[in-house]
Amino acid sequence: MADLLEKETFERLLKSNIEYKQAYFKGMFNETCPSFDDIFEEYYAAGQRLKEFVTDTSKILDDAFVADEKVLFEGAQGVMLDIDHGTYPFVTSSNPIAGNVTVGTGVGPTFVSKVIGVCKAYTSRVGDGPFPTELFDEDGHHIREVGREYGTTTGRPRRVGWFDSVVLRHSRRVSGITDLSINSIDVLTGLDTVKICTAYELDGKEITEYPANLDQLKRCKPIFEELPGWTEDVTNVRTLEELPENARKYLERISELCNVQISIFSVGPDREQTNLLKELW
């Protein structure tokens, strides 16, 4: 952003970049690279409008930490889309794991005191990639319809499946998750049986950790633990004690399998349907 603020700097860098990209546009797309005049005035004007908002934000954050203020960072996408620790090559181009917070914001890792992992009470995936617990039956249809698991832009149905504790254990480890927020518990209401994947079977052997080898992952079969479902409406529940016994046992089993405490749970999409079980901030 700072390169847009000084006219001479922006002019010099833009000319250099256009010169470099001309061969790329011609060779890859058989197109003409946008000209200097096509870009300069518009982007320089945008830089001037944004000028008062451009600063060294790591200094602002550091001042907040020194003053003992509370700072909350929010990540995007998911651990399994991480370019280094996800299901490569079915990943994004960056590192959504918690550790990248310090890289992206410019604060030191010692300032991060809690890492709250967020997941659904089931598993979903957009696009291609391995998905051992994927469902293609009526239970999958129920989860997709009740959970409205359709792309917001494309309207395409998302892939859904049972909760995978192997994936969550991997996520907990590589992101250092200290607390868990489980969402969409209400979506599972009405299912006779709910399942949790506790391990995988790989070539006849049981494994409890996520394979780094994609070919091995393709051969993995989920090992499920079945629990009784619940029919009671949970959308107005505000405490764990108010949950149906079977729903509560489902959450307790997830916490036990993944070795992480559940500190938040939600029973619907509205803000008031998200419940804190402990003081987190």
Protein backbone atom coordinates (compact mmCIF):
# COMPACT_ATOMS: atom_id res chain seq x y z
CA MET A 1 0.00 0.00 0.00
CA ALA A 2 2.79 2.42 0.81
CA ASP A 3 4.00 2.22 -2.81
CA LEU A 4 0.79 3.95 -3.94
CA LEU A 5 1.33 7.00 -1.74
CA GLU A 6 4.44 8.58 -3.23
CA LYS A 7 3.88 9.62 -6.84
CA GLU A 8 7.46 9.16 -8.04
CA THR A 9 7.80 5.80 -6.30
CA PHE A 10 4.55 4.48 -7.74
CA GLU A 11 5.42 5.75 -11.22
CA ARG A 12 8.82 4.04 -11.18
CA LEU A 13 7.55 0.72 -9.84
CA LEU A 14 4.54 0.62 -12.17
CA LYS A 15 6.66 1.19 -15.27
CA SER A 16 9.05 -1.54 -14.18
CA ASN A 17 6.21 -3.96 -13.49
CA ILE A 18 4.49 -3.32 -16.82
CA GLU A 19 7.74 -3.90 -18.66
CA TYR A 20 8.21 -7.19 -16.83
CA LYS A 21 4.63 -8.40 -17.41
CA GLN A 22 4.40 -7.61 -21.13
CA ALA A 23 6.03 -10.90 -22.14
CA TYR A 24 3.80 -12.79 -19.68
CA PHE A 25 0.58 -11.33 -21.11
CA LYS A 26 1.70 -12.01 -24.66
CA GLY A 27 3.10 -15.48 -24.08
CA MET A 28 0.42 -16.83 -21.75
CA PHE A 29 -2.73 -15.12 -23.00
CA ASN A 30 -1.80 -13.58 -26.37
CA GLU A 31 -3.07 -10.29 -24.92
CA THR A 32 -1.61 -6.82 -24.63
CA CYS A 33 -0.53 -5.76 -21.14
CA PRO A 34 -2.47 -2.73 -19.79
CA SER A 35 -0.60 0.49 -20.41
CA PHE A 36 0.87 2.87 -17.86
CA ASP A 37 -1.87 5.42 -18.59
CA ASP A 38 -4.57 2.78 -18.11
CA ILE A 39 -3.45 2.24 -14.53
CA PHE A 40 -1.53 5.14 -13.04
CA GLU A 41 -4.09 7.91 -12.45
CA GLU A 42 -6.81 5.62 -11.12
CA TYR A 43 -4.58 3.79 -8.66
CA TYR A 44 -2.64 6.84 -7.55
CA ALA A 45 -5.95 8.59 -6.79
CA ALA A 46 -7.07 5.53 -4.83
CA GLY A 47 -3.83 5.66 -2.86
CA GLN A 48 -4.44 9.27 -1.93
CA ARG A 49 -7.93 8.45 -0.67
CA LEU A 50 -6.55 5.63 1.45
CA LYS A 51 -3.49 7.52 2.65
CA GLU A 52 -4.78 8.40 6.11
CA PHE A 53 -5.54 4.75 6.80
CA VAL A 54 -2.14 3.37 5.80
CA THR A 55 0.25 2.88 8.69
CA ASP A 56 2.41 0.31 10.45
CA THR A 57 -0.38 -1.70 12.06
CA SER A 58 2.06 -3.93 13.93
CA LYS A 59 2.98 -0.88 16.03
CA ILE A 60 -0.69 -0.21 16.80
CA LEU A 61 -1.15 -3.83 17.86
CA ASP A 62 2.03 -3.82 19.93
CA ASP A 63 0.87 -0.68 21.75
CA ALA A 64 -2.45 -2.41 22.48
CA PHE A 65 -0.73 -5.47 23.93
CA VAL A 66 1.61 -3.33 26.05
CA ALA A 67 -1.45 -1.46 27.37
CA ASP A 68 -3.00 -4.84 28.28
CA GLU A 69 -5.89 -4.34 25.87
CA LYS A 70 -7.75 -7.31 24.44
CA VAL A 71 -6.98 -8.13 20.81
CA LEU A 72 -8.90 -10.69 18.77
CA PHE A 73 -7.64 -11.99 15.42
CA GLU A 74 -10.01 -13.80 13.07
CA GLY A 75 -8.75 -16.28 10.52
CA ALA A 76 -10.36 -17.38 7.26
CA GLN A 77 -10.78 -20.67 5.43
CA GLY A 78 -9.64 -23.79 7.29
CA VAL A 79 -6.65 -25.76 8.50
CA MET A 80 -7.06 -28.47 5.87
CA LEU A 81 -6.74 -25.83 3.14
CA ASP A 82 -3.33 -24.77 4.47
CA ILE A 83 -0.70 -24.91 1.73
CA ASP A 84 1.80 -26.64 4.05
CA HIS A 85 -0.35 -28.60 6.51
CA GLY A 86 -3.52 -29.21 4.50
CA THR A 87 -4.61 -31.70 1.84
CA TYR A 88 -2.15 -30.52 -0.80
CA PRO A 89 -2.72 -29.93 -3.71
CA PHE A 90 -6.37 -29.35 -2.80
CA VAL A 91 -5.52 -26.26 -0.77
CA THR A 92 -5.48 -22.47 -0.89
CA SER A 93 -2.41 -20.37 -1.65
CA SER A 94 -1.62 -19.34 1.92
CA ASN A 95 -1.44 -20.55 5.53
CA PRO A 96 -4.80 -20.36 7.36
CA ILE A 97 -3.34 -22.08 10.44
CA ALA A 98 -3.13 -20.01 13.62
CA GLY A 99 0.62 -19.53 13.37
CA ASN A 100 0.21 -17.30 10.33
CA VAL A 101 -1.50 -14.69 12.52
CA THR A 102 1.89 -13.50 13.73
CA VAL A 103 3.31 -13.41 10.20
CA GLY A 104 0.37 -11.50 8.76
CA THR A 105 -0.02 -8.96 11.55
CA GLY A 106 3.55 -8.37 12.63
CA VAL A 107 3.10 -9.30 16.28
CA GLY A 108 5.29 -11.80 18.09
CA PRO A 109 3.99 -15.30 18.89
CA THR A 110 4.34 -14.72 22.63
CA PHE A 111 1.39 -12.30 22.48
CA VAL A 112 -1.05 -15.06 21.45
CA SER A 113 -2.58 -16.49 24.63
CA LYS A 114 -5.51 -18.51 23.23
CA VAL A 115 -6.35 -20.19 19.95
CA ILE A 116 -10.05 -20.92 19.47
CA GLY A 117 -10.71 -23.50 16.79
CA VAL A 118 -14.07 -23.26 15.04
CA CYS A 119 -15.80 -26.26 13.50
CA LYS A 120 -19.24 -27.62 12.72
CA ALA A 121 -20.84 -30.56 14.49
CA TYR A 122 -20.34 -32.38 11.20
CA THR A 123 -17.85 -32.00 8.33
CA SER A 124 -18.21 -30.08 5.08
CA ARG A 125 -15.95 -29.39 2.15
CA VAL A 126 -16.11 -27.14 -0.91
CA GLY A 127 -14.54 -28.42 -4.11
CA ASP A 128 -12.33 -31.41 -4.77
CA GLY A 129 -10.07 -33.18 -2.33
CA PRO A 130 -10.04 -36.16 0.04
CA PHE A 131 -13.05 -36.53 2.32
CA PRO A 132 -13.04 -39.89 4.17
CA THR A 133 -16.33 -39.35 6.06
CA GLU A 134 -18.33 -37.98 3.11
CA LEU A 135 -22.00 -38.97 3.03
CA PHE A 136 -24.07 -39.80 -0.05
CA ASP A 137 -27.18 -41.15 1.69
CA GLU A 138 -30.29 -39.76 3.39
CA ASP A 139 -28.27 -38.61 6.40
CA GLY A 140 -26.10 -36.56 4.07
CA HIS A 141 -29.20 -35.12 2.41
CA HIS A 142 -30.60 -34.19 5.84
CA ILE A 143 -27.39 -32.41 6.86
CA ARG A 144 -27.14 -30.54 3.54
CA GLU A 145 -30.76 -29.37 3.57
CA VAL A 146 -31.12 -28.49 7.24
CA GLY A 147 -27.65 -26.92 7.33
CA ARG A 148 -28.28 -25.04 4.07
CA GLU A 149 -24.99 -26.34 2.75
CA TYR A 150 -25.09 -24.64 -0.62
CA GLY A 151 -22.62 -22.15 -2.06
CA THR A 152 -23.75 -18.59 -1.36
CA THR A 153 -22.68 -17.41 -4.81
CA THR A 154 -22.92 -20.49 -7.02
CA GLY A 155 -25.76 -22.30 -5.24
CA ARG A 156 -23.86 -25.55 -5.72
CA PRO A 157 -24.33 -28.20 -2.99
CA ARG A 158 -21.42 -28.57 -0.59
CA ARG A 159 -19.98 -31.95 0.28
CA VAL A 160 -20.97 -33.06 3.79
CA GLY A 161 -20.05 -35.92 6.09
CA TRP A 162 -19.79 -37.14 9.66
CA PHE A 163 -17.54 -35.43 12.20
CA ASP A 164 -13.92 -36.46 11.73
CA SER A 165 -11.87 -36.47 14.94
CA VAL A 166 -8.74 -37.46 12.98
CA VAL A 167 -8.93 -34.16 11.09
CA LEU A 168 -9.64 -32.19 14.25
CA ARG A 169 -6.73 -33.73 16.14
CA HIS A 170 -4.46 -32.76 13.25
CA SER A 171 -5.92 -29.24 13.27
CA ARG A 172 -5.51 -28.93 17.02
CA ARG A 173 -1.88 -29.92 16.81
CA VAL A 174 -0.74 -27.73 13.90
CA SER A 175 -2.67 -24.68 15.11
CA GLY A 176 -2.14 -25.11 18.85
CA ILE A 177 -5.87 -24.95 19.53
CA THR A 178 -6.65 -24.35 23.21
CA ASP A 179 -10.44 -24.07 22.99
CA LEU A 180 -13.08 -25.35 20.59
CA SER A 181 -16.22 -23.69 19.25
CA ILE A 182 -18.67 -26.21 17.79
CA ASN A 183 -21.37 -24.79 15.56
CA SER A 184 -24.57 -26.08 13.94
CA ILE A 185 -25.48 -28.67 16.56
CA ASP A 186 -29.12 -28.06 15.63
CA VAL A 187 -28.50 -29.45 12.13
CA LEU A 188 -28.11 -32.98 13.51
CA THR A 189 -31.46 -32.90 15.31
CA GLY A 190 -33.78 -35.58 13.98
CA LEU A 191 -31.16 -38.15 13.02
CA ASP A 192 -31.66 -41.56 14.65
CA THR A 193 -27.91 -42.13 14.91
CA VAL A 194 -24.96 -39.76 14.78
CA LYS A 195 -21.45 -40.94 13.99
CA ILE A 196 -17.96 -39.76 14.85
CA CYS A 197 -14.93 -40.93 12.90
CA THR A 198 -12.43 -42.00 15.56
CA ALA A 199 -9.69 -43.40 13.31
CA TYR A 200 -8.93 -44.59 9.78
CA GLU A 201 -8.23 -48.04 8.41
CA LEU A 202 -5.23 -47.94 6.08
CA ASP A 203 -4.25 -51.15 4.31
CA GLY A 204 -5.77 -53.23 7.09
CA LYS A 205 -4.21 -51.24 9.94
CA GLU A 206 -5.87 -48.72 12.23
CA ILE A 207 -4.31 -45.25 12.32
CA THR A 208 -5.36 -42.31 14.47
CA GLU A 209 -3.33 -39.53 12.84
CA TYR A 210 -3.91 -37.83 9.51
CA PRO A 211 -1.63 -39.23 6.75
CA ALA A 212 0.69 -36.77 5.05
CA ASN A 213 0.73 -38.91 1.90
CA LEU A 214 -2.23 -38.18 -0.39
CA ASP A 215 -2.18 -41.64 -1.98
CA GLN A 216 -2.40 -43.20 1.48
CA LEU A 217 -5.22 -40.84 2.39
CA LYS A 218 -7.20 -41.96 -0.66
CA ARG A 219 -6.98 -45.54 0.63
CA CYS A 220 -8.19 -44.65 4.12
CA LYS A 221 -11.56 -45.89 5.29
CA PRO A 222 -13.25 -44.20 8.26
CA ILE A 223 -13.76 -46.10 11.50
CA PHE A 224 -16.95 -44.85 13.11
CA GLU A 225 -18.31 -44.77 16.61
CA GLU A 226 -22.11 -44.62 16.63
CA LEU A 227 -24.07 -42.65 19.20
CA PRO A 228 -27.83 -42.27 19.61
CA GLY A 229 -29.30 -39.14 18.07
CA TRP A 230 -31.90 -36.74 19.48
CA THR A 231 -35.21 -35.32 18.34
CA GLU A 232 -35.66 -32.46 20.81
CA ASP A 233 -35.50 -28.89 19.50
CA VAL A 234 -32.22 -27.32 20.66
CA THR A 235 -32.46 -23.91 19.00
CA ASN A 236 -33.35 -22.14 22.26
CA VAL A 237 -30.78 -23.93 24.42
CA ARG A 238 -28.35 -21.63 26.24
CA THR A 239 -26.35 -23.99 28.48
CA LEU A 240 -24.88 -27.48 28.15
CA GLU A 241 -27.25 -28.70 30.85
CA GLU A 242 -30.24 -27.71 28.70
CA LEU A 243 -29.10 -29.82 25.77
CA PRO A 244 -30.73 -33.23 25.31
CA GLU A 245 -28.64 -35.91 27.00
CA ASN A 246 -27.63 -37.50 23.71
CA ALA A 247 -26.53 -34.17 22.23
CA ARG A 248 -24.50 -33.43 25.35
CA LYS A 249 -22.83 -36.85 25.22
CA TYR A 250 -22.02 -36.27 21.55
CA LEU A 251 -20.14 -33.06 22.40
CA GLU A 252 -18.42 -34.67 25.37
CA ARG A 253 -17.19 -37.51 23.18
CA ILE A 254 -15.80 -35.09 20.58
CA SER A 255 -13.96 -33.21 23.32
CA GLU A 256 -12.54 -36.47 24.68
CA LEU A 257 -11.43 -37.80 21.29
CA CYS A 258 -9.79 -34.54 20.25
CA ASN A 259 -8.29 -33.68 23.64
CA VAL A 260 -9.58 -30.11 23.60
CA GLN A 261 -12.18 -28.39 25.74
CA ILE A 262 -15.38 -27.08 24.16
CA SER A 263 -15.75 -23.47 25.25
CA ILE A 264 -18.40 -22.29 22.78
CA PHE A 265 -21.32 -24.05 21.13
CA SER A 266 -24.03 -22.78 18.82
CA VAL A 267 -27.51 -24.08 18.09
CA GLY A 268 -28.42 -21.81 15.20
CA PRO A 269 -27.21 -19.01 12.94
CA ASP A 270 -28.23 -16.05 15.10
CA ARG A 271 -25.88 -14.27 17.48
CA GLU A 272 -27.97 -15.12 20.54
CA GLN A 273 -27.77 -18.82 19.65
CA THR A 274 -24.01 -18.87 20.27
CA ASN A 275 -23.26 -19.82 23.87
CA LEU A 276 -20.05 -19.28 25.85
CA LEU A 277 -19.25 -21.93 28.44
CA LYS A 278 -16.37 -20.00 29.99
CA GLU A 279 -14.86 -16.53 29.96
CA LEU A 280 -12.54 -16.40 26.96
CA TRP A 281 -11.83 -12.71 26.73
